Structures are given as C-alpha cells and as structure tokens.
Amino acid sequence: MKNEESSRIVFWVLIAGRKQKDALLKALLEKGACLTNTVYGRGTVEASYLQNVLGLVPEQHKATIMCVLPDSKSAAVMEMLVDKFHFDQPNTGIAFTIPIDRLSF
C-alpha cells in the first residue's frame, strides 16, 4: 500500500500573468513536471481610467499552465510558488491540484 501512495500523481493548474510564464515553466520542469501545456487567456478585471494610468491594475493577460507531477513533490512545488512567485499575495497567481487515479501515456 505504501508503494501505491508514493506513486500517486496530481494534475496541477496554475494561472498567472503571462510575464511569469517562462519562469514558472522553468521552475516546474526543474521539479519534474511532465505533460506540460500552456493556454493563454484574458482576465476579467475592470479598472477605472485613473487606476489604469497609475498602473494599479493587475495584468489582464494570463497564462494557464497545466502539468502532471508526482504527489510527493506537491508540497515542494507549493512552497516554491509562495517563496519565489509570491502566490500567497493578491493578484499574483492561483494554483490548485486535482488527484489522478489513472493515467495512460
């Protein structure tokens, strides 16, 4: 049973500004991410003219990065996202995992 627990994998979804995409991909690949896919999108934030002029608006152009990682690396990846990319602060990024029972590739 212990071997089964150590071999579990999770599907990671990260949503962040496009400017962080390359650094996030590099960090994820260093942690052993595979089946990595990036999708571009646009956030739904609306700002007033003054906020726009002062640069107080979060980046509207987003990158959604999806990958598969062993569950044993999840804590290290989450710690890296907080320490290096400040995902614990507002308007920086969102990350979540979905457990995968079976995968064929």
PDB file of N, CA and C in Angstrom:
ATOM      1  N   MET A   1       0.817  -1.192   0.000  1.00  0.00           N
ATOM      2  CA  MET A   1       0.000   0.000   0.000  1.00  0.00           C
ATOM      3  C   MET A   1       0.865   1.261   0.000  1.00  0.00           C
ATOM      4  N   LYS A   2       1.992   1.215   0.712  1.00  0.00           N
ATOM      5  CA  LYS A   2       2.864   2.385   0.773  1.00  0.00           C
ATOM      6  C   LYS A   2       3.406   2.726  -0.609  1.00  0.00           C
ATOM      7  N   ASN A   3       3.766   1.731  -1.404  1.00  0.00           N
ATOM      8  CA  ASN A   3       4.265   1.971  -2.748  1.00  0.00           C
ATOM      9  C   ASN A   3       3.203   2.648  -3.604  1.00  0.00           C
ATOM     10  N   GLU A   4       1.940   2.246  -3.417  1.00  0.00           N
ATOM     11  CA  GLU A   4       0.846   2.858  -4.175  1.00  0.00           C
ATOM     12  C   GLU A   4       0.696   4.332  -3.805  1.00  0.00           C
ATOM     13  N   GLU A   5       0.842   4.659  -2.512  1.00  0.00           N
ATOM     14  CA  GLU A   5       0.732   6.048  -2.070  1.00  0.00           C
ATOM     15  C   GLU A   5       1.855   6.902  -2.639  1.00  0.00           C
ATOM     16  N   SER A   6       3.069   6.377  -2.718  1.00  0.00           N
ATOM     17  CA  SER A   6       4.205   7.160  -3.204  1.00  0.00           C
ATOM     18  C   SER A   6       4.176   7.353  -4.711  1.00  0.00           C
ATOM     19  N   SER A   7       3.390   6.546  -5.431  1.00  0.00           N
ATOM     20  CA  SER A   7       3.358   6.661  -6.882  1.00  0.00           C
ATOM     21  C   SER A   7       2.160   7.464  -7.381  1.00  0.00           C
ATOM     22  N   ARG A   8       1.405   8.068  -6.490  1.00  0.00           N
ATOM     23  CA  ARG A   8       0.259   8.868  -6.922  1.00  0.00           C
ATOM     24  C   ARG A   8       0.715  10.109  -7.668  1.00  0.00           C
ATOM     25  N   ILE A   9      -0.105  10.517  -8.613  1.00  0.00           N
ATOM     26  CA  ILE A   9       0.211  11.722  -9.380  1.00  0.00           C
ATOM     27  C   ILE A   9      -0.950  12.700  -9.275  1.00  0.00           C
ATOM     28  N   VAL A  10      -0.615  13.960  -9.510  1.00  0.00           N
ATOM     29  CA  VAL A  10      -1.631  15.006  -9.452  1.00  0.00           C
ATOM     30  C   VAL A  10      -1.518  15.883 -10.687  1.00  0.00           C
ATOM     31  N   PHE A  11      -2.638  16.429 -11.078  1.00  0.00           N
ATOM     32  CA  PHE A  11      -2.737  17.358 -12.197  1.00  0.00           C
ATOM     33  C   PHE A  11      -2.714  18.762 -11.619  1.00  0.00           C
ATOM     34  N   TRP A  12      -1.724  19.540 -11.982  1.00  0.00           N
ATOM     35  CA  TRP A  12      -1.557  20.905 -11.480  1.00  0.00           C
ATOM     36  C   TRP A  12      -2.140  21.898 -12.482  1.00  0.00           C
ATOM     37  N   VAL A  13      -2.804  22.927 -11.956  1.00  0.00           N
ATOM     38  CA  VAL A  13      -3.292  24.035 -12.767  1.00  0.00           C
ATOM     39  C   VAL A  13      -2.797  25.314 -12.108  1.00  0.00           C
ATOM     40  N   LEU A  14      -2.068  26.125 -12.858  1.00  0.00           N
ATOM     41  CA  LEU A  14      -1.564  27.405 -12.368  1.00  0.00           C
ATOM     42  C   LEU A  14      -2.060  28.499 -13.301  1.00  0.00           C
ATOM     43  N   ILE A  15      -2.562  29.569 -12.728  1.00  0.00           N
ATOM     44  CA  ILE A  15      -2.996  30.723 -13.511  1.00  0.00           C
ATOM     45  C   ILE A  15      -2.219  31.922 -13.003  1.00  0.00           C
ATOM     46  N   ALA A  16      -1.474  32.559 -13.901  1.00  0.00           N
ATOM     47  CA  ALA A  16      -0.641  33.703 -13.520  1.00  0.00           C
ATOM     48  C   ALA A  16      -0.518  34.644 -14.713  1.00  0.00           C
ATOM     49  N   GLY A  17       0.115  35.777 -14.494  1.00  0.00           N
ATOM     50  CA  GLY A  17       0.362  36.715 -15.575  1.00  0.00           C
ATOM     51  C   GLY A  17       1.304  36.122 -16.605  1.00  0.00           C
ATOM     52  N   ARG A  18       1.123  36.525 -17.849  1.00  0.00           N
ATOM     53  CA  ARG A  18       1.963  35.991 -18.933  1.00  0.00           C
ATOM     54  C   ARG A  18       3.433  36.308 -18.731  1.00  0.00           C
ATOM     55  N   LYS A  19       3.732  37.397 -18.050  1.00  0.00           N
ATOM     56  CA  LYS A  19       5.132  37.765 -17.827  1.00  0.00           C
ATOM     57  C   LYS A  19       5.858  36.724 -16.981  1.00  0.00           C
ATOM     58  N   GLN A  20       5.125  35.959 -16.177  1.00  0.00           N
ATOM     59  CA  GLN A  20       5.729  34.942 -15.320  1.00  0.00           C
ATOM     60  C   GLN A  20       5.801  33.569 -15.981  1.00  0.00           C
ATOM     61  N   LYS A  21       5.209  33.420 -17.139  1.00  0.00           N
ATOM     62  CA  LYS A  21       5.086  32.103 -17.778  1.00  0.00           C
ATOM     63  C   LYS A  21       6.406  31.377 -17.926  1.00  0.00           C
ATOM     64  N   ASP A  22       7.406  32.020 -18.495  1.00  0.00           N
ATOM     65  CA  ASP A  22       8.678  31.344 -18.744  1.00  0.00           C
ATOM     66  C   ASP A  22       9.356  30.919 -17.445  1.00  0.00           C
ATOM     67  N   ALA A  23       9.350  31.788 -16.448  1.00  0.00           N
ATOM     68  CA  ALA A  23       9.969  31.458 -15.169  1.00  0.00           C
ATOM     69  C   ALA A  23       9.214  30.326 -14.471  1.00  0.00           C
ATOM     70  N   LEU A  24       7.880  30.348 -14.547  1.00  0.00           N
ATOM     71  CA  LEU A  24       7.087  29.274 -13.952  1.00  0.00           C
ATOM     72  C   LEU A  24       7.350  27.940 -14.645  1.00  0.00           C
ATOM     73  N   LEU A  25       7.380  27.950 -15.978  1.00  0.00           N
ATOM     74  CA  LEU A  25       7.646  26.714 -16.716  1.00  0.00           C
ATOM     75  C   LEU A  25       9.019  26.149 -16.369  1.00  0.00           C
ATOM     76  N   LYS A  26      10.014  27.003 -16.309  1.00  0.00           N
ATOM     77  CA  LYS A  26      11.361  26.550 -15.967  1.00  0.00           C
ATOM     78  C   LYS A  26      11.386  25.932 -14.575  1.00  0.00           C
ATOM     79  N   ALA A  27      10.743  26.590 -13.606  1.00  0.00           N
ATOM     80  CA  ALA A  27      10.719  26.079 -12.233  1.00  0.00           C
ATOM     81  C   ALA A  27       9.969  24.749 -12.150  1.00  0.00           C
ATOM     82  N   LEU A  28       8.858  24.626 -12.871  1.00  0.00           N
ATOM     83  CA  LEU A  28       8.093  23.382 -12.858  1.00  0.00           C
ATOM     84  C   LEU A  28       8.872  22.242 -13.497  1.00  0.00           C
ATOM     85  N   LEU A  29       9.554  22.522 -14.601  1.00  0.00           N
ATOM     86  CA  LEU A  29      10.349  21.480 -15.256  1.00  0.00           C
ATOM     87  C   LEU A  29      11.494  21.029 -14.362  1.00  0.00           C
ATOM     88  N   GLU A  30      12.073  21.952 -13.608  1.00  0.00           N
ATOM     89  CA  GLU A  30      13.135  21.587 -12.653  1.00  0.00           C
ATOM     90  C   GLU A  30      12.601  20.679 -11.548  1.00  0.00           C
ATOM     91  N   LYS A  31      11.321  20.810 -11.218  1.00  0.00           N
ATOM     92  CA  LYS A  31      10.699  19.974 -10.187  1.00  0.00           C
ATOM     93  C   LYS A  31      10.208  18.646 -10.751  1.00  0.00           C
ATOM     94  N   GLY A  32      10.329  18.438 -12.064  1.00  0.00           N
ATOM     95  CA  GLY A  32       9.968  17.163 -12.670  1.00  0.00           C
ATOM     96  C   GLY A  32       8.610  17.122 -13.337  1.00  0.00           C
ATOM     97  N   ALA A  33       8.060  18.278 -13.676  1.00  0.00           N
ATOM     98  CA  ALA A  33       6.754  18.316 -14.336  1.00  0.00           C
ATOM     99  C   ALA A  33       6.830  17.661 -15.714  1.00  0.00           C
ATOM    100  N   CYS A  34       5.765  16.962 -16.075  1.00  0.00           N
ATOM    101  CA  CYS A  34       5.684  16.396 -17.423  1.00  0.00           C
ATOM    102  C   CYS A  34       4.288  16.650 -17.978  1.00  0.00           C
ATOM    103  N   LEU A  35       4.116  16.417 -19.249  1.00  0.00           N
ATOM    104  CA  LEU A  35       2.868  16.693 -19.961  1.00  0.00           C
ATOM    105  C   LEU A  35       2.433  18.139 -19.731  1.00  0.00           C
ATOM    106  N   THR A  36       3.364  19.058 -19.853  1.00  0.00           N
ATOM    107  CA  THR A  36       3.104  20.467 -19.597  1.00  0.00           C
ATOM    108  C   THR A  36       2.412  21.114 -20.791  1.00  0.00           C
ATOM    109  N   ASN A  37       1.394  21.919 -20.496  1.00  0.00           N
ATOM    110  CA  ASN A  37       0.629  22.601 -21.528  1.00  0.00           C
ATOM    111  C   ASN A  37       0.340  24.024 -21.051  1.00  0.00           C
ATOM    112  N   THR A  38       0.419  24.990 -21.962  1.00  0.00           N
ATOM    113  CA  THR A  38       0.136  26.383 -21.625  1.00  0.00           C
ATOM    114  C   THR A  38      -0.982  26.905 -22.521  1.00  0.00           C
ATOM    115  N   VAL A  39      -1.941  27.579 -21.904  1.00  0.00           N
ATOM    116  CA  VAL A  39      -3.065  28.179 -22.620  1.00  0.00           C
ATOM    117  C   VAL A  39      -3.110  29.653 -22.235  1.00  0.00           C
ATOM    118  N   TYR A  40      -3.309  30.510 -23.214  1.00  0.00           N
ATOM    119  CA  TYR A  40      -3.370  31.943 -22.944  1.00  0.00           C
ATOM    120  C   TYR A  40      -4.814  32.389 -22.811  1.00  0.00           C
ATOM    121  N   GLY A  41      -5.016  33.377 -21.959  1.00  0.00           N
ATOM    122  CA  GLY A  41      -6.350  33.910 -21.756  1.00  0.00           C
ATOM    123  C   GLY A  41      -6.278  35.359 -21.317  1.00  0.00           C
ATOM    124  N   ARG A  42      -7.443  35.902 -21.056  1.00  0.00           N
ATOM    125  CA  ARG A  42      -7.516  37.280 -20.609  1.00  0.00           C
ATOM    126  C   ARG A  42      -8.341  37.316 -19.336  1.00  0.00           C
ATOM    127  N   GLY A  43      -7.835  37.993 -18.318  1.00  0.00           N
ATOM    128  CA  GLY A  43      -8.549  38.126 -17.056  1.00  0.00           C
ATOM    129  C   GLY A  43      -9.772  39.009 -17.202  1.00  0.00           C
ATOM    130  N   THR A  44     -10.623  38.983 -16.202  1.00  0.00           N
ATOM    131  CA  THR A  44     -11.878  39.729 -16.259  1.00  0.00           C
ATOM    132  C   THR A  44     -11.836  41.011 -15.440  1.00  0.00           C
ATOM    133  N   VAL A  45     -10.663  41.417 -15.014  1.00  0.00           N
ATOM    134  CA  VAL A  45     -10.556  42.609 -14.175  1.00  0.00           C
ATOM    135  C   VAL A  45     -10.965  43.856 -14.960  1.00  0.00           C
ATOM    136  N   GLU A  46     -11.725  44.728 -14.314  1.00  0.00           N
ATOM    137  CA  GLU A  46     -12.107  46.005 -14.914  1.00  0.00           C
ATOM    138  C   GLU A  46     -11.548  47.104 -14.027  1.00  0.00           C
ATOM    139  N   ALA A  47     -10.967  48.114 -14.626  1.00  0.00           N
ATOM    140  CA  ALA A  47     -10.352  49.178 -13.858  1.00  0.00           C
ATOM    141  C   ALA A  47     -10.833  50.538 -14.344  1.00  0.00           C
ATOM    142  N   SER A  48     -10.772  51.488 -13.441  1.00  0.00           N
ATOM    143  CA  SER A  48     -11.110  52.852 -13.833  1.00  0.00           C
ATOM    144  C   SER A  48      -9.939  53.453 -14.607  1.00  0.00           C
ATOM    145  N   TYR A  49     -10.174  54.548 -15.261  1.00  0.00           N
ATOM    146  CA  TYR A  49      -9.129  55.215 -16.036  1.00  0.00           C
ATOM    147  C   TYR A  49      -7.955  55.593 -15.141  1.00  0.00           C
ATOM    148  N   LEU A  50      -8.223  56.135 -13.952  1.00  0.00           N
ATOM    149  CA  LEU A  50      -7.158  56.553 -13.042  1.00  0.00           C
ATOM    150  C   LEU A  50      -6.298  55.374 -12.597  1.00  0.00           C
ATOM    151  N   GLN A  51      -6.926  54.251 -12.285  1.00  0.00           N
ATOM    152  CA  GLN A  51      -6.159  53.062 -11.901  1.00  0.00           C
ATOM    153  C   GLN A  51      -5.265  52.607 -13.053  1.00  0.00           C
ATOM    154  N   ASN A  52      -5.784  52.671 -14.253  1.00  0.00           N
ATOM    155  CA  ASN A  52      -5.015  52.292 -15.435  1.00  0.00           C
ATOM    156  C   ASN A  52      -3.799  53.196 -15.613  1.00  0.00           C
ATOM    157  N   VAL A  53      -3.992  54.494 -15.487  1.00  0.00           N
ATOM    158  CA  VAL A  53      -2.916  55.464 -15.669  1.00  0.00           C
ATOM    159  C   VAL A  53      -1.827  55.268 -14.611  1.00  0.00           C
ATOM    160  N   LEU A  54      -2.234  54.985 -13.375  1.00  0.00           N
ATOM    161  CA  LEU A  54      -1.268  54.819 -12.286  1.00  0.00           C
ATOM    162  C   LEU A  54      -0.641  53.431 -12.255  1.00  0.00           C
ATOM    163  N   GLY A  55      -1.109  52.541 -13.110  1.00  0.00           N
ATOM    164  CA  GLY A  55      -0.543  51.196 -13.162  1.00  0.00           C
ATOM    165  C   GLY A  55      -0.964  50.323 -11.999  1.00  0.00           C
ATOM    166  N   LEU A  56      -2.117  50.570 -11.422  1.00  0.00           N
ATOM    167  CA  LEU A  56      -2.590  49.825 -10.265  1.00  0.00           C
ATOM    168  C   LEU A  56      -3.510  48.664 -10.641  1.00  0.00           C
ATOM    169  N   VAL A  57      -3.534  48.299 -11.900  1.00  0.00           N
ATOM    170  CA  VAL A  57      -4.420  47.250 -12.377  1.00  0.00           C
ATOM    171  C   VAL A  57      -3.617  45.958 -12.549  1.00  0.00           C
ATOM    172  N   PRO A  58      -4.128  44.843 -12.021  1.00  0.00           N
ATOM    173  CA  PRO A  58      -3.437  43.570 -12.253  1.00  0.00           C
ATOM    174  C   PRO A  58      -3.373  43.272 -13.746  1.00  0.00           C
ATOM    175  N   GLU A  59      -2.379  42.516 -14.129  1.00  0.00           N
ATOM    176  CA  GLU A  59      -2.201  42.168 -15.536  1.00  0.00           C
ATOM    177  C   GLU A  59      -3.425  41.422 -16.058  1.00  0.00           C
ATOM    178  N   GLN A  60      -3.956  41.870 -17.190  1.00  0.00           N
ATOM    179  CA  GLN A  60      -5.139  41.240 -17.767  1.00  0.00           C
ATOM    180  C   GLN A  60      -4.796  39.997 -18.577  1.00  0.00           C
ATOM    181  N   HIS A  61      -3.619  39.940 -19.128  1.00  0.00           N
ATOM    182  CA  HIS A  61      -3.233  38.822 -19.982  1.00  0.00           C
ATOM    183  C   HIS A  61      -2.655  37.710 -19.114  1.00  0.00           C
ATOM    184  N   LYS A  62      -3.317  36.568 -19.127  1.00  0.00           N
ATOM    185  CA  LYS A  62      -2.978  35.458 -18.244  1.00  0.00           C
ATOM    186  C   LYS A  62      -2.472  34.253 -19.025  1.00  0.00           C
ATOM    187  N   ALA A  63      -1.724  33.437 -18.319  1.00  0.00           N
ATOM    188  CA  ALA A  63      -1.292  32.149 -18.842  1.00  0.00           C
ATOM    189  C   ALA A  63      -1.772  31.084 -17.870  1.00  0.00           C
ATOM    190  N   THR A  64      -2.397  30.053 -18.408  1.00  0.00           N
ATOM    191  CA  THR A  64      -2.803  28.911 -17.604  1.00  0.00           C
ATOM    192  C   THR A  64      -1.851  27.774 -17.940  1.00  0.00           C
ATOM    193  N   ILE A  65      -1.140  27.319 -16.932  1.00  0.00           N
ATOM    194  CA  ILE A  65      -0.161  26.242 -17.118  1.00  0.00           C
ATOM    195  C   ILE A  65      -0.709  24.994 -16.447  1.00  0.00           C
ATOM    196  N   MET A  66      -0.738  23.902 -17.188  1.00  0.00           N
ATOM    197  CA  MET A  66      -1.208  22.627 -16.661  1.00  0.00           C
ATOM    198  C   MET A  66      -0.106  21.599 -16.826  1.00  0.00           C
ATOM    199  N   CYS A  67       0.075  20.779 -15.799  1.00  0.00           N
ATOM    200  CA  CYS A  67       1.104  19.742 -15.877  1.00  0.00           C
ATOM    201  C   CYS A  67       0.769  18.608 -14.921  1.00  0.00           C
ATOM    202  N   VAL A  68       1.539  17.551 -15.001  1.00  0.00           N
ATOM    203  CA  VAL A  68       1.381  16.387 -14.141  1.00  0.00           C
ATOM    204  C   VAL A  68       2.669  16.233 -13.338  1.00  0.00           C
ATOM    205  N   LEU A  69       2.511  16.025 -12.035  1.00  0.00           N
ATOM    206  CA  LEU A  69       3.649  15.845 -11.131  1.00  0.00           C
ATOM    207  C   LEU A  69       3.344  14.736 -10.136  1.00  0.00           C
ATOM    208  N   PRO A  70       4.372  14.065  -9.618  1.00  0.00           N
ATOM    209  CA  PRO A  70       4.126  13.120  -8.528  1.00  0.00           C
ATOM    210  C   PRO A  70       3.616  13.871  -7.299  1.00  0.00           C
ATOM    211  N   ASP A  71       2.669  13.278  -6.601  1.00  0.00           N
ATOM    212  CA  ASP A  71       2.106  13.919  -5.416  1.00  0.00           C
ATOM    213  C   ASP A  71       3.173  14.179  -4.355  1.00  0.00           C
ATOM    214  N   SER A  72       4.211  13.374  -4.338  1.00  0.00           N
ATOM    215  CA  SER A  72       5.283  13.555  -3.358  1.00  0.00           C
ATOM    216  C   SER A  72       6.010  14.890  -3.532  1.00  0.00           C
ATOM    217  N   LYS A  73       5.893  15.520  -4.697  1.00  0.00           N
ATOM    218  CA  LYS A  73       6.548  16.803  -4.949  1.00  0.00           C
ATOM    219  C   LYS A  73       5.613  17.990  -4.761  1.00  0.00           C
ATOM    220  N   SER A  74       4.343  17.734  -4.439  1.00  0.00           N
ATOM    221  CA  SER A  74       3.351  18.805  -4.338  1.00  0.00           C
ATOM    222  C   SER A  74       3.712  19.853  -3.290  1.00  0.00           C
ATOM    223  N   ALA A  75       4.140  19.421  -2.119  1.00  0.00           N
ATOM    224  CA  ALA A  75       4.482  20.376  -1.059  1.00  0.00           C
ATOM    225  C   ALA A  75       5.645  21.269  -1.483  1.00  0.00           C
ATOM    226  N   ALA A  76       6.649  20.689  -2.125  1.00  0.00           N
ATOM    227  CA  ALA A  76       7.805  21.474  -2.569  1.00  0.00           C
ATOM    228  C   ALA A  76       7.416  22.475  -3.656  1.00  0.00           C
ATOM    229  N   VAL A  77       6.532  22.076  -4.560  1.00  0.00           N
ATOM    230  CA  VAL A  77       6.089  22.981  -5.622  1.00  0.00           C
ATOM    231  C   VAL A  77       5.274  24.130  -5.029  1.00  0.00           C
ATOM    232  N   MET A  78       4.372  23.819  -4.108  1.00  0.00           N
ATOM    233  CA  MET A  78       3.568  24.869  -3.494  1.00  0.00           C
ATOM    234  C   MET A  78       4.459  25.845  -2.718  1.00  0.00           C
ATOM    235  N   GLU A  79       5.442  25.327  -2.018  1.00  0.00           N
ATOM    236  CA  GLU A  79       6.382  26.188  -1.294  1.00  0.00           C
ATOM    237  C   GLU A  79       7.165  27.081  -2.256  1.00  0.00           C
ATOM    238  N   MET A  80       7.586  26.526  -3.389  1.00  0.00           N
ATOM    239  CA  MET A  80       8.295  27.296  -4.399  1.00  0.00           C
ATOM    240  C   MET A  80       7.409  28.405  -4.974  1.00  0.00           C
ATOM    241  N   LEU A  81       6.124  28.106  -5.197  1.00  0.00           N
ATOM    242  CA  LEU A  81       5.206  29.108  -5.727  1.00  0.00           C
ATOM    243  C   LEU A  81       5.009  30.270  -4.750  1.00  0.00           C
ATOM    244  N   VAL A  82       5.010  29.969  -3.470  1.00  0.00           N
ATOM    245  CA  VAL A  82       4.860  31.023  -2.462  1.00  0.00           C
ATOM    246  C   VAL A  82       6.159  31.801  -2.303  1.00  0.00           C
ATOM    247  N   ASP A  83       7.282  31.094  -2.177  1.00  0.00           N
ATOM    248  CA  ASP A  83       8.571  31.756  -1.930  1.00  0.00           C
ATOM    249  C   ASP A  83       9.078  32.543  -3.129  1.00  0.00           C
ATOM    250  N   LYS A  84       9.049  31.932  -4.297  1.00  0.00           N
ATOM    251  CA  LYS A  84       9.656  32.549  -5.478  1.00  0.00           C
ATOM    252  C   LYS A  84       8.695  33.432  -6.268  1.00  0.00           C
ATOM    253  N   PHE A  85       7.410  33.039  -6.316  1.00  0.00           N
ATOM    254  CA  PHE A  85       6.449  33.757  -7.157  1.00  0.00           C
ATOM    255  C   PHE A  85       5.368  34.493  -6.356  1.00  0.00           C
ATOM    256  N   HIS A  86       5.417  34.404  -5.046  1.00  0.00           N
ATOM    257  CA  HIS A  86       4.518  35.142  -4.140  1.00  0.00           C
ATOM    258  C   HIS A  86       3.043  34.851  -4.394  1.00  0.00           C
ATOM    259  N   PHE A  87       2.715  33.586  -4.641  1.00  0.00           N
ATOM    260  CA  PHE A  87       1.335  33.197  -4.892  1.00  0.00           C
ATOM    261  C   PHE A  87       0.445  33.396  -3.663  1.00  0.00           C
ATOM    262  N   ASP A  88       1.028  33.667  -2.505  1.00  0.00           N
ATOM    263  CA  ASP A  88       0.239  33.906  -1.304  1.00  0.00           C
ATOM    264  C   ASP A  88      -0.256  35.353  -1.214  1.00  0.00           C
ATOM    265  N   GLN A  89       0.126  36.187  -2.183  1.00  0.00           N
ATOM    266  CA  GLN A  89      -0.269  37.586  -2.182  1.00  0.00           C
ATOM    267  C   GLN A  89      -1.339  37.814  -3.256  1.00  0.00           C
ATOM    268  N   PRO A  90      -2.229  38.802  -3.035  1.00  0.00           N
ATOM    269  CA  PRO A  90      -3.299  39.065  -4.002  1.00  0.00           C
ATOM    270  C   PRO A  90      -2.769  39.417  -5.403  1.00  0.00           C
ATOM    271  N   ASN A  91      -3.500  38.997  -6.408  1.00  0.00           N
ATOM    272  CA  ASN A  91      -3.228  39.340  -7.809  1.00  0.00           C
ATOM    273  C   ASN A  91      -1.878  38.854  -8.323  1.00  0.00           C
ATOM    274  N   THR A  92      -1.404  37.722  -7.818  1.00  0.00           N
ATOM    275  CA  THR A  92      -0.140  37.179  -8.315  1.00  0.00           C
ATOM    276  C   THR A  92      -0.333  35.861  -9.053  1.00  0.00           C
ATOM    277  N   GLY A  93      -1.211  35.001  -8.554  1.00  0.00           N
ATOM    278  CA  GLY A  93      -1.437  33.734  -9.216  1.00  0.00           C
ATOM    279  C   GLY A  93      -2.321  32.821  -8.391  1.00  0.00           C
ATOM    280  N   ILE A  94      -2.832  31.821  -9.054  1.00  0.00           N
ATOM    281  CA  ILE A  94      -3.679  30.805  -8.423  1.00  0.00           C
ATOM    282  C   ILE A  94      -3.110  29.451  -8.835  1.00  0.00           C
ATOM    283  N   ALA A  95      -3.037  28.539  -7.886  1.00  0.00           N
ATOM    284  CA  ALA A  95      -2.573  27.189  -8.188  1.00  0.00           C
ATOM    285  C   ALA A  95      -3.438  26.190  -7.428  1.00  0.00           C
ATOM    286  N   PHE A  96      -3.789  25.097  -8.107  1.00  0.00           N
ATOM    287  CA  PHE A  96      -4.518  24.029  -7.429  1.00  0.00           C
ATOM    288  C   PHE A  96      -4.189  22.702  -8.097  1.00  0.00           C
ATOM    289  N   THR A  97      -4.482  21.630  -7.380  1.00  0.00           N
ATOM    290  CA  THR A  97      -4.208  20.294  -7.900  1.00  0.00           C
ATOM    291  C   THR A  97      -5.498  19.479  -7.950  1.00  0.00           C
ATOM    292  N   ILE A  98      -5.476  18.508  -8.835  1.00  0.00           N
ATOM    293  CA  ILE A  98      -6.569  17.544  -8.956  1.00  0.00           C
ATOM    294  C   ILE A  98      -5.920  16.161  -8.936  1.00  0.00           C
ATOM    295  N   PRO A  99      -6.330  15.303  -7.995  1.00  0.00           N
ATOM    296  CA  PRO A  99      -5.722  13.970  -7.957  1.00  0.00           C
ATOM    297  C   PRO A  99      -6.103  13.149  -9.187  1.00  0.00           C
ATOM    298  N   ILE A 100      -5.170  12.341  -9.645  1.00  0.00           N
ATOM    299  CA  ILE A 100      -5.406  11.474 -10.801  1.00  0.00           C
ATOM    300  C   ILE A 100      -5.301  10.029 -10.329  1.00  0.00           C
ATOM    301  N   ASP A 101      -6.345   9.260 -10.544  1.00  0.00           N
ATOM    302  CA  ASP A 101      -6.332   7.856 -10.159  1.00  0.00           C
ATOM    303  C   ASP A 101      -5.598   6.998 -11.176  1.00  0.00           C
ATOM    304  N   ARG A 102      -5.826   7.305 -12.454  1.00  0.00           N
ATOM    305  CA  ARG A 102      -5.201   6.506 -13.514  1.00  0.00           C
ATOM    306  C   ARG A 102      -4.767   7.424 -14.630  1.00  0.00           C
ATOM    307  N   LEU A 103      -3.666   7.053 -15.274  1.00  0.00           N
ATOM    308  CA  LEU A 103      -3.161   7.837 -16.388  1.00  0.00           C
ATOM    309  C   LEU A 103      -2.488   6.891 -17.361  1.00  0.00           C
ATOM    310  N   SER A 104      -2.759   7.076 -18.623  1.00  0.00           N
ATOM    311  CA  SER A 104      -2.135   6.248 -19.650  1.00  0.00           C
ATOM    312  C   SER A 104      -1.484   7.147 -20.678  1.00  0.00           C
ATOM    313  N   PHE A 105      -0.172   7.017 -20.842  1.00  0.00           N
ATOM    314  CA  PHE A 105       0.534   7.775 -21.884  1.00  0.00           C
ATOM    315  C   PHE A 105       1.773   7.050 -22.313  1.00  0.00           C
TER     316      PHE A 105
END
